[in-house]
Structures are given as structure tokens and as C-alpha cells.
């Protein structure tokens, strides 16, 4: 998978001449939904629990001020629900070294954190969620990682054009 995504990461800086990047982050709404984020203090929370090395690397590439699409996965239907802003860049995820956590990794420790998280703040809950089937039907999104068969990455970059296309859909 890394071989296929490396060109994406190499191109990311070229996509964003102003430095701001766009991302997609996934969460199962039964675990944490965009409405849960809206109820959080200052509408901000940690984006923790990522346990895939490529997704972790994408978290580490996020910069303060970047925007992300908030996607509800394993939902009926799975859909883009809104947008968030990255308000704190990557830092160690302490859940990795907490044996009581669902996200515990016995190889991780404070001296060897392995996993990272970022803080996100709610920007917008879309007036309507945009379901996966609708996204699949758009030619403008044909190359989007989310729509690639077998893609399971919980964090990945999106192009500015993909981000704008989804924002326009949400406004209609």
C-alpha cells in the first residue's frame, strides 16, 4: 500500500501552495460522531486510536489550520458528515501505553510512543450527510482514496478539488 500512496504524499506539497492541506478522517458514529464533537468542550477533541502506520504518518503530516472531512464509517449509510480543523499538530498518543485502553499497544511506551494523535475542532456539520454511494457516482472524485476498492485507511489526504467538490455537495 505504501508504494501506491507515496506519490500521493509526494504530491501533497504541490497541491497546497499556501501550505494548507486537506484530509479525511474516519470514525464510527457509535464510537464518536460529529455530533459528539459538537458537544465536546470548545467543540475540540483528540483524534486518538489510530493504529495503522500509514494513517499515523498522515496524522504526523497534518499542520495546524489544515482542514479535514469528518467521515462516519460503518454507518447506515457511511457518509461525510462535516469538516474539522486541525488545532494541534501530532503528539504521542498515551492510550497506546495504557493497558486498560482499547488502543493499548504493548510495544509502545512513553520512551517509545510509536503512535500519534492530533486535536481537531468542529468547523461545520453539513446540512445533510453525503453518503458513500453518492460520492462514488461523481466523476470529480474518481481518484479519491476513500472510493478505492479495499481502502481502509482511517486518515488520508484529499486534494483541494476533492475537498471543494464535497463542500459543494453539502451545500445543495
C-alpha atoms as a PDB file:
ATOM      1  CA  UNK A   1       0.000   0.000   0.000  1.00  0.00           C
ATOM      2  CA  UNK A   2       2.831   2.428   0.831  1.00  0.00           C
ATOM      3  CA  UNK A   3       4.156   2.224  -2.737  1.00  0.00           C
ATOM      4  CA  UNK A   4       0.765   3.322  -4.053  1.00  0.00           C
ATOM      5  CA  UNK A   5       0.345   6.150  -1.536  1.00  0.00           C
ATOM      6  CA  UNK A   6       3.898   7.525  -1.657  1.00  0.00           C
ATOM      7  CA  UNK A   7       3.192   9.503  -4.865  1.00  0.00           C
ATOM      8  CA  UNK A   8       0.167  10.991  -3.106  1.00  0.00           C
ATOM      9  CA  UNK A   9       2.323  12.192  -0.221  1.00  0.00           C
ATOM     10  CA  UNK A  10       4.997  13.442  -2.623  1.00  0.00           C
ATOM     11  CA  UNK A  11       2.346  15.459  -4.442  1.00  0.00           C
ATOM     12  CA  UNK A  12       0.712  16.875  -1.297  1.00  0.00           C
ATOM     13  CA  UNK A  13       3.043  19.861  -1.032  1.00  0.00           C
ATOM     14  CA  UNK A  14       2.375  20.679  -4.692  1.00  0.00           C
ATOM     15  CA  UNK A  15      -1.384  20.595  -4.106  1.00  0.00           C
ATOM     16  CA  UNK A  16      -1.145  23.285  -1.481  1.00  0.00           C
ATOM     17  CA  UNK A  17       0.958  26.255  -2.496  1.00  0.00           C
ATOM     18  CA  UNK A  18      -0.323  28.170   0.559  1.00  0.00           C
ATOM     19  CA  UNK A  19       0.736  25.320   2.841  1.00  0.00           C
ATOM     20  CA  UNK A  20      -2.778  24.304   3.989  1.00  0.00           C
ATOM     21  CA  UNK A  21      -3.654  20.679   3.366  1.00  0.00           C
ATOM     22  CA  UNK A  22      -6.927  18.784   3.359  1.00  0.00           C
ATOM     23  CA  UNK A  23      -7.599  15.394   4.852  1.00  0.00           C
ATOM     24  CA  UNK A  24     -10.294  12.863   5.500  1.00  0.00           C
ATOM     25  CA  UNK A  25     -10.648  11.277   8.944  1.00  0.00           C
ATOM     26  CA  UNK A  26     -12.976   8.377   9.712  1.00  0.00           C
ATOM     27  CA  UNK A  27     -14.857   7.499  12.858  1.00  0.00           C
ATOM     28  CA  UNK A  28     -17.624   5.048  13.563  1.00  0.00           C
ATOM     29  CA  UNK A  29     -20.544   7.177  14.795  1.00  0.00           C
ATOM     30  CA  UNK A  30     -21.342   4.656  17.548  1.00  0.00           C
ATOM     31  CA  UNK A  31     -17.833   5.262  18.901  1.00  0.00           C
ATOM     32  CA  UNK A  32     -17.548   9.018  18.233  1.00  0.00           C
ATOM     33  CA  UNK A  33     -19.730  11.025  15.869  1.00  0.00           C
ATOM     34  CA  UNK A  34     -19.558  14.558  14.609  1.00  0.00           C
ATOM     35  CA  UNK A  35     -22.449  15.347  16.965  1.00  0.00           C
ATOM     36  CA  UNK A  36     -20.318  14.077  19.859  1.00  0.00           C
ATOM     37  CA  UNK A  37     -17.630  16.510  18.725  1.00  0.00           C
ATOM     38  CA  UNK A  38     -20.209  19.318  18.735  1.00  0.00           C
ATOM     39  CA  UNK A  39     -20.916  18.520  22.417  1.00  0.00           C
ATOM     40  CA  UNK A  40     -17.228  18.412  23.430  1.00  0.00           C
ATOM     41  CA  UNK A  41     -15.732  21.343  25.369  1.00  0.00           C
ATOM     42  CA  UNK A  42     -14.803  24.060  22.859  1.00  0.00           C
ATOM     43  CA  UNK A  43     -16.017  21.583  20.176  1.00  0.00           C
ATOM     44  CA  UNK A  44     -12.492  20.147  20.281  1.00  0.00           C
ATOM     45  CA  UNK A  45     -11.102  16.695  20.966  1.00  0.00           C
ATOM     46  CA  UNK A  46      -8.086  14.423  20.478  1.00  0.00           C
ATOM     47  CA  UNK A  47      -8.084  12.259  17.364  1.00  0.00           C
ATOM     48  CA  UNK A  48      -6.591   9.206  19.026  1.00  0.00           C
ATOM     49  CA  UNK A  49      -6.578   5.482  18.492  1.00  0.00           C
ATOM     50  CA  UNK A  50      -5.070   5.386  15.005  1.00  0.00           C
ATOM     51  CA  UNK A  51      -3.181   2.080  14.800  1.00  0.00           C
ATOM     52  CA  UNK A  52      -2.149   1.905  11.159  1.00  0.00           C
ATOM     53  CA  UNK A  53       1.353   3.125  10.314  1.00  0.00           C
ATOM     54  CA  UNK A  54       0.364   4.899   7.090  1.00  0.00           C
ATOM     55  CA  UNK A  55      -2.593   6.645   8.762  1.00  0.00           C
ATOM     56  CA  UNK A  56      -0.267   7.593  11.640  1.00  0.00           C
ATOM     57  CA  UNK A  57       2.179   9.097   9.143  1.00  0.00           C
ATOM     58  CA  UNK A  58      -0.638  11.142   7.649  1.00  0.00           C
ATOM     59  CA  UNK A  59      -1.532  12.378  11.164  1.00  0.00           C
ATOM     60  CA  UNK A  60       2.092  13.396  11.601  1.00  0.00           C
ATOM     61  CA  UNK A  61       1.971  15.346   8.320  1.00  0.00           C
ATOM     62  CA  UNK A  62      -1.027  17.423   9.469  1.00  0.00           C
ATOM     63  CA  UNK A  63      -0.393  21.065  10.265  1.00  0.00           C
ATOM     64  CA  UNK A  64      -2.308  23.461  12.451  1.00  0.00           C
ATOM     65  CA  UNK A  65      -5.001  25.110  10.326  1.00  0.00           C
ATOM     66  CA  UNK A  66      -5.385  22.172   7.931  1.00  0.00           C
ATOM     67  CA  UNK A  67      -8.981  21.113   7.283  1.00  0.00           C
ATOM     68  CA  UNK A  68     -10.405  17.602   7.288  1.00  0.00           C
ATOM     69  CA  UNK A  69     -13.610  15.971   6.161  1.00  0.00           C
ATOM     70  CA  UNK A  70     -15.235  14.070   9.037  1.00  0.00           C
ATOM     71  CA  UNK A  71     -16.470  10.728   7.709  1.00  0.00           C
ATOM     72  CA  UNK A  72     -18.848   8.370   9.503  1.00  0.00           C
ATOM     73  CA  UNK A  73     -17.676   4.844   8.663  1.00  0.00           C
ATOM     74  CA  UNK A  74     -19.554   1.596   9.278  1.00  0.00           C
ATOM     75  CA  UNK A  75     -22.761   3.613   9.404  1.00  0.00           C
ATOM     76  CA  UNK A  76     -26.058   3.239   7.583  1.00  0.00           C
ATOM     77  CA  UNK A  77     -25.141   4.814   5.296  1.00  0.00           C
ATOM     78  CA  UNK A  78     -21.449   5.641   5.632  1.00  0.00           C
ATOM     79  CA  UNK A  79     -21.154   9.327   4.791  1.00  0.00           C
ATOM     80  CA  UNK A  80     -19.199  12.576   5.045  1.00  0.00           C
ATOM     81  CA  UNK A  81     -20.797  14.471   7.926  1.00  0.00           C
ATOM     82  CA  UNK A  82     -18.871  17.759   8.123  1.00  0.00           C
ATOM     83  CA  UNK A  83     -15.497  19.431   8.486  1.00  0.00           C
ATOM     84  CA  UNK A  84     -12.963  19.935  11.246  1.00  0.00           C
ATOM     85  CA  UNK A  85      -9.797  21.995  11.663  1.00  0.00           C
ATOM     86  CA  UNK A  86      -6.514  20.636  12.953  1.00  0.00           C
ATOM     87  CA  UNK A  87      -5.815  22.768  16.047  1.00  0.00           C
ATOM     88  CA  UNK A  88      -2.861  20.857  17.497  1.00  0.00           C
ATOM     89  CA  UNK A  89      -0.238  19.018  15.492  1.00  0.00           C
ATOM     90  CA  UNK A  90       0.764  15.415  16.133  1.00  0.00           C
ATOM     91  CA  UNK A  91       1.916  14.384  19.587  1.00  0.00           C
ATOM     92  CA  UNK A  92       2.228  10.992  21.349  1.00  0.00           C
ATOM     93  CA  UNK A  93      -0.996   9.064  21.936  1.00  0.00           C
ATOM     94  CA  UNK A  94      -0.809   7.969  25.612  1.00  0.00           C
ATOM     95  CA  UNK A  95      -3.633   5.460  25.148  1.00  0.00           C
ATOM     96  CA  UNK A  96      -1.060   3.254  23.422  1.00  0.00           C
ATOM     97  CA  UNK A  97       0.772   2.582  26.676  1.00  0.00           C
ATOM     98  CA  UNK A  98      -2.338   2.329  28.882  1.00  0.00           C
ATOM     99  CA  UNK A  99      -3.134  -1.396  29.348  1.00  0.00           C
ATOM    100  CA  UNK A 100      -6.764  -0.528  30.170  1.00  0.00           C
ATOM    101  CA  UNK A 101      -7.281   1.280  26.855  1.00  0.00           C
ATOM    102  CA  UNK A 102      -8.877  -0.280  23.787  1.00  0.00           C
ATOM    103  CA  UNK A 103      -5.984   1.330  21.903  1.00  0.00           C
ATOM    104  CA  UNK A 104      -3.199  -0.214  24.021  1.00  0.00           C
ATOM    105  CA  UNK A 105      -0.076  -1.371  22.179  1.00  0.00           C
ATOM    106  CA  UNK A 106       2.336  -3.350  24.363  1.00  0.00           C
ATOM    107  CA  UNK A 107       5.258  -2.249  22.163  1.00  0.00           C
ATOM    108  CA  UNK A 108       4.551   1.426  22.927  1.00  0.00           C
ATOM    109  CA  UNK A 109       5.748   3.344  25.975  1.00  0.00           C
ATOM    110  CA  UNK A 110       6.410   6.960  26.966  1.00  0.00           C
ATOM    111  CA  UNK A 111      10.023   6.418  25.844  1.00  0.00           C
ATOM    112  CA  UNK A 112       8.870   4.781  22.576  1.00  0.00           C
ATOM    113  CA  UNK A 113       5.460   6.313  21.853  1.00  0.00           C
ATOM    114  CA  UNK A 114       5.024   4.769  18.334  1.00  0.00           C
ATOM    115  CA  UNK A 115       1.514   6.200  17.862  1.00  0.00           C
ATOM    116  CA  UNK A 116       0.414   9.805  17.459  1.00  0.00           C
ATOM    117  CA  UNK A 117      -2.742  11.858  17.682  1.00  0.00           C
ATOM    118  CA  UNK A 118      -3.839  15.379  16.760  1.00  0.00           C
ATOM    119  CA  UNK A 119      -6.502  17.689  18.153  1.00  0.00           C
ATOM    120  CA  UNK A 120      -9.435  18.647  15.940  1.00  0.00           C
ATOM    121  CA  UNK A 121     -12.088  21.337  16.282  1.00  0.00           C
ATOM    122  CA  UNK A 122     -15.505  21.284  14.677  1.00  0.00           C
ATOM    123  CA  UNK A 123     -15.871  23.713  11.790  1.00  0.00           C
ATOM    124  CA  UNK A 124     -19.185  22.613  10.299  1.00  0.00           C
ATOM    125  CA  UNK A 125     -21.803  19.895  10.478  1.00  0.00           C
ATOM    126  CA  UNK A 126     -23.126  19.586   6.949  1.00  0.00           C
ATOM    127  CA  UNK A 127     -26.836  20.307   6.475  1.00  0.00           C
ATOM    128  CA  UNK A 128     -27.018  16.813   5.043  1.00  0.00           C
ATOM    129  CA  UNK A 129     -24.577  13.931   5.201  1.00  0.00           C
ATOM    130  CA  UNK A 130     -23.158  12.906   1.831  1.00  0.00           C
ATOM    131  CA  UNK A 131     -23.425   9.122   1.519  1.00  0.00           C
ATOM    132  CA  UNK A 132     -20.701   6.945   0.080  1.00  0.00           C
ATOM    133  CA  UNK A 133     -22.899   5.848  -2.854  1.00  0.00           C
ATOM    134  CA  UNK A 134     -23.385   9.481  -3.891  1.00  0.00           C
ATOM    135  CA  UNK A 135     -19.638  10.117  -3.685  1.00  0.00           C
ATOM    136  CA  UNK A 136     -18.967   7.039  -5.826  1.00  0.00           C
ATOM    137  CA  UNK A 137     -21.214   8.449  -8.548  1.00  0.00           C
ATOM    138  CA  UNK A 138     -19.135  11.602  -9.067  1.00  0.00           C
ATOM    139  CA  UNK A 139     -16.513  11.686 -11.787  1.00  0.00           C
ATOM    140  CA  UNK A 140     -14.688  14.511  -9.944  1.00  0.00           C
ATOM    141  CA  UNK A 141     -13.984  12.098  -7.075  1.00  0.00           C
ATOM    142  CA  UNK A 142     -12.952   9.071  -9.149  1.00  0.00           C
ATOM    143  CA  UNK A 143      -9.364   9.110  -7.826  1.00  0.00           C
ATOM    144  CA  UNK A 144     -10.231   9.708  -4.174  1.00  0.00           C
ATOM    145  CA  UNK A 145      -8.593   7.233  -1.755  1.00  0.00           C
ATOM    146  CA  UNK A 146     -11.876   6.769   0.140  1.00  0.00           C
ATOM    147  CA  UNK A 147     -13.501   5.382  -3.004  1.00  0.00           C
ATOM    148  CA  UNK A 148     -10.730   2.964  -3.908  1.00  0.00           C
ATOM    149  CA  UNK A 149     -11.875  -0.642  -3.588  1.00  0.00           C
ATOM    150  CA  UNK A 150     -10.434  -2.191  -0.415  1.00  0.00           C
ATOM    151  CA  UNK A 151      -9.269   1.116   1.072  1.00  0.00           C
ATOM    152  CA  UNK A 152      -9.436   1.014   4.851  1.00  0.00           C
ATOM    153  CA  UNK A 153      -7.238   3.957   5.815  1.00  0.00           C
ATOM    154  CA  UNK A 154      -8.820   5.953   8.627  1.00  0.00           C
ATOM    155  CA  UNK A 155      -6.774   9.072   7.794  1.00  0.00           C
ATOM    156  CA  UNK A 156      -5.644  10.170   4.355  1.00  0.00           C
ATOM    157  CA  UNK A 157      -5.100  13.307   2.279  1.00  0.00           C
ATOM    158  CA  UNK A 158      -7.635  14.652  -0.197  1.00  0.00           C
ATOM    159  CA  UNK A 159      -6.930  17.066  -2.995  1.00  0.00           C
ATOM    160  CA  UNK A 160      -8.266  20.630  -2.875  1.00  0.00           C
ATOM    161  CA  UNK A 161     -10.572  19.771  -5.788  1.00  0.00           C
ATOM    162  CA  UNK A 162     -11.988  16.752  -3.925  1.00  0.00           C
ATOM    163  CA  UNK A 163     -12.475  18.841  -0.787  1.00  0.00           C
ATOM    164  CA  UNK A 164     -14.288  21.604  -2.736  1.00  0.00           C
ATOM    165  CA  UNK A 165     -16.469  19.078  -4.564  1.00  0.00           C
ATOM    166  CA  UNK A 166     -17.679  17.607  -1.288  1.00  0.00           C
ATOM    167  CA  UNK A 167     -18.248  21.036   0.260  1.00  0.00           C
ATOM    168  CA  UNK A 168     -20.402  21.994  -2.762  1.00  0.00           C
ATOM    169  CA  UNK A 169     -22.394  18.775  -2.441  1.00  0.00           C
ATOM    170  CA  UNK A 170     -23.047  19.508   1.216  1.00  0.00           C
ATOM    171  CA  UNK A 171     -24.408  22.945   0.375  1.00  0.00           C
ATOM    172  CA  UNK A 172     -27.015  21.591  -2.078  1.00  0.00           C
END
